[in-house]
C-alpha cells in the first residue's frame, strides 16, 4: 500500500495497517511536520513524490483535505498514475465514491471518527473508533476488513448520507472544541487560573448525561426559563467578550427550542426568555 499524505491521519492509518501485516511501500510528505511523522510512524518507508507513491501501490490511501481531494484524483488520473485494478481509499467524511471515479479503480471511502494527534497514541485510540464507510457492494468485505484491521468499527453510509454525517460530526466535535476553549477564556477573564479544573468535571458529566439521556439531561438557566439570569449573561458578555455574544445567543435559542420540544421548558416560561434573546441584534 501507499499513503498519500503523511499528515496526522495518513501516518497513523498507514502505521495501523502496517501493524496489521500490510506492506507500506511508499508515502508522500512535504512539510517538516509530515516528514517527522513519516520517520516516526512509518520508519524506513521511502518518501516519494505523490505520483510515484500511487504507481507503486496496489492499495492507495488518500489522506488529503476534503477540498483538495477531487483535484488530486483528477490530476493523478490524467497522468495514468493509478494501477489497473488497484484499491483506492480516501478518508474524507464529506466525499463518497463519486470523487474517485476518475481514477478508474476500486473505490472505498473510509472516514475515521477520531481527532488525530498524529502520534503513536492514536494507534491505541483507534480501537473501537467508528469509521464512516461507503463501498460498492462487492467491496464491502474488503472495506470492513481494512477497518477492522485498524481496530475500528464500520458504520455503513450511502453516498447521499455522507455530507450530513460529516456535518453532524463537525458540529459536535469541532464546535465543541471552540465552545470549551471560549468558555475557558471567559473563566480566565473572571480570574480563574486553572479553568480546566473547573470545566473538566462539569463538561464530563454533561457529555455523559446527554449521550445517555439526550435532551432530558438539559439543565441551566435556559432550560429553566430563567430570563433574568440570561439577561445578566448577555450584559456581561457584551462588556467583556462581545465576540462571544452571538454564539451564546444562537446556542441559547437552539437550547430553548429543544427544551420546549422535549417538554423541559413550558411555553409560558419560554416567552420571557425568548424575548430577552430577541433583544440582541442578529
C-alpha atoms as a PDB file:
ATOM      1  CA  UNK A   1       0.000   0.000   0.000  1.00  0.00           C
ATOM      2  CA  UNK A   2       0.973   3.630  -0.462  1.00  0.00           C
ATOM      3  CA  UNK A   3      -0.011   6.561   1.752  1.00  0.00           C
ATOM      4  CA  UNK A   4      -0.573   9.887   0.028  1.00  0.00           C
ATOM      5  CA  UNK A   5      -0.125  12.479   2.741  1.00  0.00           C
ATOM      6  CA  UNK A   6       1.794  11.637   5.904  1.00  0.00           C
ATOM      7  CA  UNK A   7      -0.301  14.042   7.940  1.00  0.00           C
ATOM      8  CA  UNK A   8      -1.884  13.241  11.278  1.00  0.00           C
ATOM      9  CA  UNK A   9      -4.389  10.843   9.698  1.00  0.00           C
ATOM     10  CA  UNK A  10      -2.314   9.259   6.949  1.00  0.00           C
ATOM     11  CA  UNK A  11       0.732   8.427   9.020  1.00  0.00           C
ATOM     12  CA  UNK A  12      -1.366   6.850  11.784  1.00  0.00           C
ATOM     13  CA  UNK A  13      -3.615   4.789   9.498  1.00  0.00           C
ATOM     14  CA  UNK A  14      -0.613   3.692   7.460  1.00  0.00           C
ATOM     15  CA  UNK A  15       1.092   2.562  10.649  1.00  0.00           C
ATOM     16  CA  UNK A  16      -2.059   0.758  11.808  1.00  0.00           C
ATOM     17  CA  UNK A  17      -2.333  -1.175   8.547  1.00  0.00           C
ATOM     18  CA  UNK A  18       1.391  -1.884   8.635  1.00  0.00           C
ATOM     19  CA  UNK A  19       0.946  -3.409  12.092  1.00  0.00           C
ATOM     20  CA  UNK A  20      -1.885  -5.500  10.650  1.00  0.00           C
ATOM     21  CA  UNK A  21       0.512  -7.012   8.115  1.00  0.00           C
ATOM     22  CA  UNK A  22       0.205  -4.745   5.075  1.00  0.00           C
ATOM     23  CA  UNK A  23       3.394  -3.611   3.372  1.00  0.00           C
ATOM     24  CA  UNK A  24       3.650   0.171   3.125  1.00  0.00           C
ATOM     25  CA  UNK A  25       5.873   0.672   0.085  1.00  0.00           C
ATOM     26  CA  UNK A  26       5.894   4.473  -0.030  1.00  0.00           C
ATOM     27  CA  UNK A  27       4.447   7.649   1.398  1.00  0.00           C
ATOM     28  CA  UNK A  28       4.447  11.315   0.451  1.00  0.00           C
ATOM     29  CA  UNK A  29       5.368  14.183   2.747  1.00  0.00           C
ATOM     30  CA  UNK A  30       6.267  17.817   2.163  1.00  0.00           C
ATOM     31  CA  UNK A  31       6.241  19.781   5.412  1.00  0.00           C
ATOM     32  CA  UNK A  32       8.782  19.259   8.179  1.00  0.00           C
ATOM     33  CA  UNK A  33       5.996  18.004  10.442  1.00  0.00           C
ATOM     34  CA  UNK A  34       4.870  15.409   7.881  1.00  0.00           C
ATOM     35  CA  UNK A  35       8.436  14.269   7.273  1.00  0.00           C
ATOM     36  CA  UNK A  36       8.922  13.866  11.033  1.00  0.00           C
ATOM     37  CA  UNK A  37       5.674  11.863  11.316  1.00  0.00           C
ATOM     38  CA  UNK A  38       6.689   9.609   8.436  1.00  0.00           C
ATOM     39  CA  UNK A  39      10.048   8.972  10.074  1.00  0.00           C
ATOM     40  CA  UNK A  40       8.381   8.199  13.409  1.00  0.00           C
ATOM     41  CA  UNK A  41       5.306   6.201  12.449  1.00  0.00           C
ATOM     42  CA  UNK A  42       6.434   4.778   9.093  1.00  0.00           C
ATOM     43  CA  UNK A  43      10.118   4.271   9.821  1.00  0.00           C
ATOM     44  CA  UNK A  44      12.047   3.028   6.820  1.00  0.00           C
ATOM     45  CA  UNK A  45       9.243   3.712   4.335  1.00  0.00           C
ATOM     46  CA  UNK A  46      10.522   5.698   1.335  1.00  0.00           C
ATOM     47  CA  UNK A  47       9.168   9.241   1.000  1.00  0.00           C
ATOM     48  CA  UNK A  48       8.414   9.782  -2.690  1.00  0.00           C
ATOM     49  CA  UNK A  49       6.521  12.225  -4.916  1.00  0.00           C
ATOM     50  CA  UNK A  50       2.766  11.625  -4.909  1.00  0.00           C
ATOM     51  CA  UNK A  51       2.530  10.097  -8.386  1.00  0.00           C
ATOM     52  CA  UNK A  52       5.352   7.654  -7.569  1.00  0.00           C
ATOM     53  CA  UNK A  53       3.560   6.601  -4.389  1.00  0.00           C
ATOM     54  CA  UNK A  54       0.394   5.873  -6.372  1.00  0.00           C
ATOM     55  CA  UNK A  55       2.235   3.970  -9.111  1.00  0.00           C
ATOM     56  CA  UNK A  56       3.929   1.740  -6.543  1.00  0.00           C
ATOM     57  CA  UNK A  57       0.788   0.670  -4.670  1.00  0.00           C
ATOM     58  CA  UNK A  58      -1.972  -1.906  -5.051  1.00  0.00           C
ATOM     59  CA  UNK A  59      -3.850  -0.116  -2.246  1.00  0.00           C
ATOM     60  CA  UNK A  60      -3.657   3.686  -2.271  1.00  0.00           C
ATOM     61  CA  UNK A  61      -4.725   5.602   0.835  1.00  0.00           C
ATOM     62  CA  UNK A  62      -5.514   9.252   0.059  1.00  0.00           C
ATOM     63  CA  UNK A  63      -5.455  11.348   3.246  1.00  0.00           C
ATOM     64  CA  UNK A  64      -5.592  14.904   1.960  1.00  0.00           C
ATOM     65  CA  UNK A  65      -8.008  17.745   2.909  1.00  0.00           C
ATOM     66  CA  UNK A  66     -11.565  17.366   1.576  1.00  0.00           C
ATOM     67  CA  UNK A  67     -11.353  20.343  -0.757  1.00  0.00           C
ATOM     68  CA  UNK A  68      -8.116  19.065  -2.334  1.00  0.00           C
ATOM     69  CA  UNK A  69      -9.295  15.506  -2.966  1.00  0.00           C
ATOM     70  CA  UNK A  70     -11.144  15.908  -6.280  1.00  0.00           C
ATOM     71  CA  UNK A  71      -8.331  17.873  -7.929  1.00  0.00           C
ATOM     72  CA  UNK A  72      -5.740  15.380  -6.687  1.00  0.00           C
ATOM     73  CA  UNK A  73      -7.628  12.367  -8.064  1.00  0.00           C
ATOM     74  CA  UNK A  74      -8.286  14.061 -11.401  1.00  0.00           C
ATOM     75  CA  UNK A  75      -4.658  15.099 -11.751  1.00  0.00           C
ATOM     76  CA  UNK A  76      -3.285  11.665 -10.919  1.00  0.00           C
ATOM     77  CA  UNK A  77      -5.753  10.001 -13.282  1.00  0.00           C
ATOM     78  CA  UNK A  78      -4.671  12.317 -16.098  1.00  0.00           C
ATOM     79  CA  UNK A  79      -1.070  11.130 -15.707  1.00  0.00           C
ATOM     80  CA  UNK A  80      -2.076   7.468 -15.631  1.00  0.00           C
ATOM     81  CA  UNK A  81      -0.645   7.028 -12.147  1.00  0.00           C
ATOM     82  CA  UNK A  82      -3.280   4.608 -10.824  1.00  0.00           C
ATOM     83  CA  UNK A  83      -2.668   0.911 -11.383  1.00  0.00           C
ATOM     84  CA  UNK A  84      -5.377  -1.036 -13.170  1.00  0.00           C
ATOM     85  CA  UNK A  85      -7.385  -2.929 -10.550  1.00  0.00           C
ATOM     86  CA  UNK A  86      -5.878  -1.062  -7.605  1.00  0.00           C
ATOM     87  CA  UNK A  87      -7.885  -0.267  -4.495  1.00  0.00           C
ATOM     88  CA  UNK A  88      -8.117   3.472  -3.839  1.00  0.00           C
ATOM     89  CA  UNK A  89      -9.435   4.611  -0.458  1.00  0.00           C
ATOM     90  CA  UNK A  90      -9.857   8.111   0.877  1.00  0.00           C
ATOM     91  CA  UNK A  91     -10.516   9.265   4.443  1.00  0.00           C
ATOM     92  CA  UNK A  92     -12.819  12.218   3.722  1.00  0.00           C
ATOM     93  CA  UNK A  93     -16.030  12.435   5.697  1.00  0.00           C
ATOM     94  CA  UNK A  94     -17.782  14.617   3.146  1.00  0.00           C
ATOM     95  CA  UNK A  95     -16.984  12.691  -0.027  1.00  0.00           C
ATOM     96  CA  UNK A  96     -18.153   9.269  -1.060  1.00  0.00           C
ATOM     97  CA  UNK A  97     -17.238   7.218  -4.107  1.00  0.00           C
ATOM     98  CA  UNK A  98     -18.048   9.688  -6.894  1.00  0.00           C
ATOM     99  CA  UNK A  99     -14.905  11.716  -6.215  1.00  0.00           C
ATOM    100  CA  UNK A 100     -12.809   8.621  -7.018  1.00  0.00           C
ATOM    101  CA  UNK A 101     -14.448   7.851 -10.394  1.00  0.00           C
ATOM    102  CA  UNK A 102     -11.683   9.480 -12.487  1.00  0.00           C
ATOM    103  CA  UNK A 103      -9.183   7.003 -11.011  1.00  0.00           C
ATOM    104  CA  UNK A 104     -10.927   4.087 -12.731  1.00  0.00           C
ATOM    105  CA  UNK A 105     -10.018   1.862  -9.787  1.00  0.00           C
ATOM    106  CA  UNK A 106     -11.782   0.020  -6.984  1.00  0.00           C
ATOM    107  CA  UNK A 107     -13.095   2.806  -4.712  1.00  0.00           C
ATOM    108  CA  UNK A 108     -13.512   2.906  -0.938  1.00  0.00           C
ATOM    109  CA  UNK A 109     -14.472   5.762   1.400  1.00  0.00           C
ATOM    110  CA  UNK A 110     -13.197   5.193   4.962  1.00  0.00           C
ATOM    111  CA  UNK A 111     -13.710   8.115   7.354  1.00  0.00           C
ATOM    112  CA  UNK A 112     -12.325   7.594  10.881  1.00  0.00           C
ATOM    113  CA  UNK A 113     -14.246   9.427  13.623  1.00  0.00           C
ATOM    114  CA  UNK A 114     -11.273  10.479  15.707  1.00  0.00           C
ATOM    115  CA  UNK A 115      -9.452  13.781  16.362  1.00  0.00           C
ATOM    116  CA  UNK A 116      -5.965  12.631  15.384  1.00  0.00           C
ATOM    117  CA  UNK A 117      -2.860  13.863  17.174  1.00  0.00           C
ATOM    118  CA  UNK A 118      -0.566  12.191  14.661  1.00  0.00           C
ATOM    119  CA  UNK A 119       1.349  10.147  17.258  1.00  0.00           C
ATOM    120  CA  UNK A 120       1.625   6.557  18.439  1.00  0.00           C
ATOM    121  CA  UNK A 121      -1.108   7.321  20.983  1.00  0.00           C
ATOM    122  CA  UNK A 122      -3.613   7.343  18.117  1.00  0.00           C
ATOM    123  CA  UNK A 123      -2.839   3.705  17.338  1.00  0.00           C
ATOM    124  CA  UNK A 124      -4.385   2.739  20.671  1.00  0.00           C
ATOM    125  CA  UNK A 125      -7.244   5.205  20.329  1.00  0.00           C
ATOM    126  CA  UNK A 126      -8.246   3.646  17.008  1.00  0.00           C
ATOM    127  CA  UNK A 127      -9.570   0.575  18.803  1.00  0.00           C
ATOM    128  CA  UNK A 128     -13.343   0.841  18.834  1.00  0.00           C
ATOM    129  CA  UNK A 129     -13.359   4.019  16.727  1.00  0.00           C
ATOM    130  CA  UNK A 130     -16.220   4.314  14.243  1.00  0.00           C
ATOM    131  CA  UNK A 131     -15.405   4.622  10.540  1.00  0.00           C
ATOM    132  CA  UNK A 132     -17.967   6.019   8.125  1.00  0.00           C
ATOM    133  CA  UNK A 133     -17.720   3.518   5.256  1.00  0.00           C
ATOM    134  CA  UNK A 134     -19.083   3.677   1.731  1.00  0.00           C
ATOM    135  CA  UNK A 135     -18.166   0.969  -0.769  1.00  0.00           C
ATOM    136  CA  UNK A 136     -19.637  -0.818  -3.790  1.00  0.00           C
ATOM    137  CA  UNK A 137     -21.475  -3.943  -2.713  1.00  0.00           C
ATOM    138  CA  UNK A 138     -18.769  -6.364  -3.950  1.00  0.00           C
ATOM    139  CA  UNK A 139     -16.112  -4.430  -1.991  1.00  0.00           C
ATOM    140  CA  UNK A 140     -17.938  -4.253   1.333  1.00  0.00           C
ATOM    141  CA  UNK A 141     -15.999  -7.228   2.760  1.00  0.00           C
ATOM    142  CA  UNK A 142     -12.724  -5.558   1.750  1.00  0.00           C
ATOM    143  CA  UNK A 143     -13.704  -2.243   3.333  1.00  0.00           C
ATOM    144  CA  UNK A 144     -14.875  -3.970   6.507  1.00  0.00           C
ATOM    145  CA  UNK A 145     -11.654  -5.982   6.742  1.00  0.00           C
ATOM    146  CA  UNK A 146      -9.478  -2.868   6.416  1.00  0.00           C
ATOM    147  CA  UNK A 147     -11.431  -1.033   9.109  1.00  0.00           C
ATOM    148  CA  UNK A 148     -11.365  -3.997  11.482  1.00  0.00           C
ATOM    149  CA  UNK A 149      -7.627  -4.450  10.891  1.00  0.00           C
ATOM    150  CA  UNK A 150      -7.114  -0.867  12.051  1.00  0.00           C
ATOM    151  CA  UNK A 151      -9.159  -1.614  15.182  1.00  0.00           C
ATOM    152  CA  UNK A 152     -12.221   0.296  14.020  1.00  0.00           C
ATOM    153  CA  UNK A 153     -15.931  -0.387  13.702  1.00  0.00           C
ATOM    154  CA  UNK A 154     -17.599   0.224  10.301  1.00  0.00           C
ATOM    155  CA  UNK A 155     -20.701   2.409  10.083  1.00  0.00           C
ATOM    156  CA  UNK A 156     -22.221   1.890   6.646  1.00  0.00           C
ATOM    157  CA  UNK A 157     -23.315   5.004   4.756  1.00  0.00           C
ATOM    158  CA  UNK A 158     -24.756   5.705   1.329  1.00  0.00           C
ATOM    159  CA  UNK A 159     -23.214   8.320  -0.916  1.00  0.00           C
ATOM    160  CA  UNK A 160     -26.083  10.712  -0.160  1.00  0.00           C
ATOM    161  CA  UNK A 161     -25.750  10.330   3.618  1.00  0.00           C
ATOM    162  CA  UNK A 162     -22.103  11.356   3.851  1.00  0.00           C
ATOM    163  CA  UNK A 163     -22.451  15.191   3.821  1.00  0.00           C
ATOM    164  CA  UNK A 164     -24.959  15.075   6.707  1.00  0.00           C
ATOM    165  CA  UNK A 165     -22.808  12.519   8.539  1.00  0.00           C
ATOM    166  CA  UNK A 166     -19.817  14.843   8.257  1.00  0.00           C
ATOM    167  CA  UNK A 167     -21.817  17.938   9.229  1.00  0.00           C
ATOM    168  CA  UNK A 168     -23.079  16.179  12.360  1.00  0.00           C
ATOM    169  CA  UNK A 169     -19.588  15.161  13.428  1.00  0.00           C
ATOM    170  CA  UNK A 170     -18.051  18.558  12.710  1.00  0.00           C
ATOM    171  CA  UNK A 171     -20.901  20.304  14.547  1.00  0.00           C
ATOM    172  CA  UNK A 172     -20.344  18.105  17.583  1.00  0.00           C
ATOM    173  CA  UNK A 173     -16.560  17.789  17.776  1.00  0.00           C
ATOM    174  CA  UNK A 174     -15.148  20.909  16.126  1.00  0.00           C
ATOM    175  CA  UNK A 175     -17.694  23.286  17.612  1.00  0.00           C
ATOM    176  CA  UNK A 176     -17.264  21.603  20.990  1.00  0.00           C
ATOM    177  CA  UNK A 177     -13.559  22.450  20.894  1.00  0.00           C
ATOM    178  CA  UNK A 178     -14.362  26.072  20.078  1.00  0.00           C
ATOM    179  CA  UNK A 179     -17.057  26.204  22.746  1.00  0.00           C
ATOM    180  CA  UNK A 180     -14.845  24.776  25.501  1.00  0.00           C
ATOM    181  CA  UNK A 181     -11.877  26.979  24.588  1.00  0.00           C
ATOM    182  CA  UNK A 182     -14.163  30.018  24.613  1.00  0.00           C
ATOM    183  CA  UNK A 183     -15.596  29.031  27.998  1.00  0.00           C
ATOM    184  CA  UNK A 184     -12.071  28.634  29.368  1.00  0.00           C
ATOM    185  CA  UNK A 185     -11.179  32.122  28.130  1.00  0.00           C
ATOM    186  CA  UNK A 186     -14.189  33.575  29.937  1.00  0.00           C
ATOM    187  CA  UNK A 187     -13.201  31.832  33.164  1.00  0.00           C
ATOM    188  CA  UNK A 188      -9.688  33.268  32.878  1.00  0.00           C
ATOM    189  CA  UNK A 189     -11.245  36.700  32.414  1.00  0.00           C
ATOM    190  CA  UNK A 190     -13.199  36.026  35.631  1.00  0.00           C
ATOM    191  CA  UNK A 191      -9.929  35.364  37.465  1.00  0.00           C
ATOM    192  CA  UNK A 192      -9.838  31.562  37.352  1.00  0.00           C
ATOM    193  CA  UNK A 193      -6.228  30.433  36.972  1.00  0.00           C
ATOM    194  CA  UNK A 194      -6.917  26.798  36.050  1.00  0.00           C
ATOM    195  CA  UNK A 195     -10.175  26.714  34.044  1.00  0.00           C
ATOM    196  CA  UNK A 196      -9.614  23.095  33.084  1.00  0.00           C
ATOM    197  CA  UNK A 197     -10.049  22.024  36.701  1.00  0.00           C
ATOM    198  CA  UNK A 198     -13.417  23.765  36.790  1.00  0.00           C
ATOM    199  CA  UNK A 199     -14.649  22.649  33.390  1.00  0.00           C
ATOM    200  CA  UNK A 200     -13.439  19.039  33.465  1.00  0.00           C
ATOM    201  CA  UNK A 201     -15.983  17.567  35.889  1.00  0.00           C
ATOM    202  CA  UNK A 202     -18.799  19.788  34.599  1.00  0.00           C
ATOM    203  CA  UNK A 203     -18.323  19.023  30.925  1.00  0.00           C
ATOM    204  CA  UNK A 204     -17.586  15.359  31.570  1.00  0.00           C
ATOM    205  CA  UNK A 205     -20.882  14.980  33.425  1.00  0.00           C
ATOM    206  CA  UNK A 206     -22.758  16.961  30.773  1.00  0.00           C
ATOM    207  CA  UNK A 207     -21.370  14.813  27.943  1.00  0.00           C
ATOM    208  CA  UNK A 208     -22.147  11.599  29.791  1.00  0.00           C
ATOM    209  CA  UNK A 209     -25.655  12.825  30.535  1.00  0.00           C
ATOM    210  CA  UNK A 210     -26.571  13.847  27.006  1.00  0.00           C
ATOM    211  CA  UNK A 211     -25.172  10.643  25.495  1.00  0.00           C
ATOM    212  CA  UNK A 212     -27.297   8.604  27.907  1.00  0.00           C
ATOM    213  CA  UNK A 213     -30.451  10.709  28.107  1.00  0.00           C
ATOM    214  CA  UNK A 214     -30.464  13.226  25.243  1.00  0.00           C
ATOM    215  CA  UNK A 215     -32.483  16.393  25.882  1.00  0.00           C
ATOM    216  CA  UNK A 216     -33.620  15.035  29.236  1.00  0.00           C
ATOM    217  CA  UNK A 217     -30.136  15.896  30.530  1.00  0.00           C
ATOM    218  CA  UNK A 218     -30.629  19.630  29.888  1.00  0.00           C
ATOM    219  CA  UNK A 219     -30.028  21.851  32.907  1.00  0.00           C
ATOM    220  CA  UNK A 220     -29.211  25.507  33.436  1.00  0.00           C
ATOM    221  CA  UNK A 221     -30.992  28.851  33.110  1.00  0.00           C
ATOM    222  CA  UNK A 222     -32.276  28.381  29.563  1.00  0.00           C
ATOM    223  CA  UNK A 223     -33.857  25.007  30.321  1.00  0.00           C
ATOM    224  CA  UNK A 224     -35.427  26.532  33.465  1.00  0.00           C
ATOM    225  CA  UNK A 225     -36.625  29.652  31.654  1.00  0.00           C
ATOM    226  CA  UNK A 226     -34.639  31.981  33.949  1.00  0.00           C
ATOM    227  CA  UNK A 227     -34.860  35.051  31.747  1.00  0.00           C
ATOM    228  CA  UNK A 228     -33.276  37.360  34.345  1.00  0.00           C
ATOM    229  CA  UNK A 229     -30.174  35.194  34.599  1.00  0.00           C
ATOM    230  CA  UNK A 230     -29.813  35.003  30.838  1.00  0.00           C
ATOM    231  CA  UNK A 231     -30.205  38.797  30.663  1.00  0.00           C
ATOM    232  CA  UNK A 232     -27.312  39.142  33.123  1.00  0.00           C
ATOM    233  CA  UNK A 233     -25.216  36.810  30.971  1.00  0.00           C
ATOM    234  CA  UNK A 234     -25.883  38.891  27.873  1.00  0.00           C
ATOM    235  CA  UNK A 235     -24.993  42.109  29.665  1.00  0.00           C
ATOM    236  CA  UNK A 236     -21.645  40.874  30.962  1.00  0.00           C
ATOM    237  CA  UNK A 237     -20.708  39.217  27.676  1.00  0.00           C
ATOM    238  CA  UNK A 238     -21.460  42.437  25.799  1.00  0.00           C
ATOM    239  CA  UNK A 239     -18.966  44.204  28.062  1.00  0.00           C
ATOM    240  CA  UNK A 240     -16.233  41.583  28.460  1.00  0.00           C
ATOM    241  CA  UNK A 241     -16.404  39.353  25.372  1.00  0.00           C
ATOM    242  CA  UNK A 242     -18.667  40.824  22.686  1.00  0.00           C
ATOM    243  CA  UNK A 243     -17.255  38.363  20.139  1.00  0.00           C
ATOM    244  CA  UNK A 244     -18.837  35.523  22.156  1.00  0.00           C
ATOM    245  CA  UNK A 245     -22.280  37.131  22.395  1.00  0.00           C
ATOM    246  CA  UNK A 246     -23.678  35.994  19.000  1.00  0.00           C
ATOM    247  CA  UNK A 247     -22.723  32.354  19.602  1.00  0.00           C
ATOM    248  CA  UNK A 248     -24.164  32.414  23.145  1.00  0.00           C
ATOM    249  CA  UNK A 249     -27.464  33.775  21.821  1.00  0.00           C
ATOM    250  CA  UNK A 250     -27.584  31.284  18.936  1.00  0.00           C
ATOM    251  CA  UNK A 251     -26.937  28.315  21.227  1.00  0.00           C
ATOM    252  CA  UNK A 252     -29.401  29.627  23.836  1.00  0.00           C
ATOM    253  CA  UNK A 253     -32.124  29.891  21.175  1.00  0.00           C
ATOM    254  CA  UNK A 254     -31.452  26.355  19.968  1.00  0.00           C
ATOM    255  CA  UNK A 255     -31.345  25.092  23.555  1.00  0.00           C
ATOM    256  CA  UNK A 256     -34.689  26.793  24.278  1.00  0.00           C
ATOM    257  CA  UNK A 257     -36.234  25.230  21.172  1.00  0.00           C
ATOM    258  CA  UNK A 258     -35.086  21.777  22.203  1.00  0.00           C
ATOM    259  CA  UNK A 259     -36.163  22.309  25.815  1.00  0.00           C
ATOM    260  CA  UNK A 260     -39.651  23.333  24.667  1.00  0.00           C
ATOM    261  CA  UNK A 261     -39.927  20.429  22.199  1.00  0.00           C
ATOM    262  CA  UNK A 262     -38.877  17.907  24.850  1.00  0.00           C
ATOM    263  CA  UNK A 263     -41.226  19.314  27.483  1.00  0.00           C
ATOM    264  CA  UNK A 264     -38.407  20.558  29.720  1.00  0.00           C
ATOM    265  CA  UNK A 265     -39.484  24.178  29.290  1.00  0.00           C
ATOM    266  CA  UNK A 266     -43.112  25.330  29.229  1.00  0.00           C
ATOM    267  CA  UNK A 267     -44.135  27.830  26.535  1.00  0.00           C
ATOM    268  CA  UNK A 268     -45.244  30.273  29.265  1.00  0.00           C
ATOM    269  CA  UNK A 269     -41.791  30.369  30.855  1.00  0.00           C
ATOM    270  CA  UNK A 270     -40.130  30.382  27.452  1.00  0.00           C
ATOM    271  CA  UNK A 271     -41.881  33.597  26.399  1.00  0.00           C
ATOM    272  CA  UNK A 272     -39.871  35.951  28.605  1.00  0.00           C
ATOM    273  CA  UNK A 273     -36.658  34.082  27.836  1.00  0.00           C
ATOM    274  CA  UNK A 274     -37.142  34.301  24.072  1.00  0.00           C
ATOM    275  CA  UNK A 275     -38.000  37.980  24.436  1.00  0.00           C
ATOM    276  CA  UNK A 276     -34.655  38.576  26.160  1.00  0.00           C
ATOM    277  CA  UNK A 277     -32.764  36.629  23.490  1.00  0.00           C
ATOM    278  CA  UNK A 278     -34.639  38.507  20.783  1.00  0.00           C
ATOM    279  CA  UNK A 279     -33.431  41.827  22.180  1.00  0.00           C
ATOM    280  CA  UNK A 280     -29.912  41.093  20.909  1.00  0.00           C
ATOM    281  CA  UNK A 281     -29.460  42.160  17.258  1.00  0.00           C
ATOM    282  CA  UNK A 282     -28.759  39.263  14.949  1.00  0.00           C
END
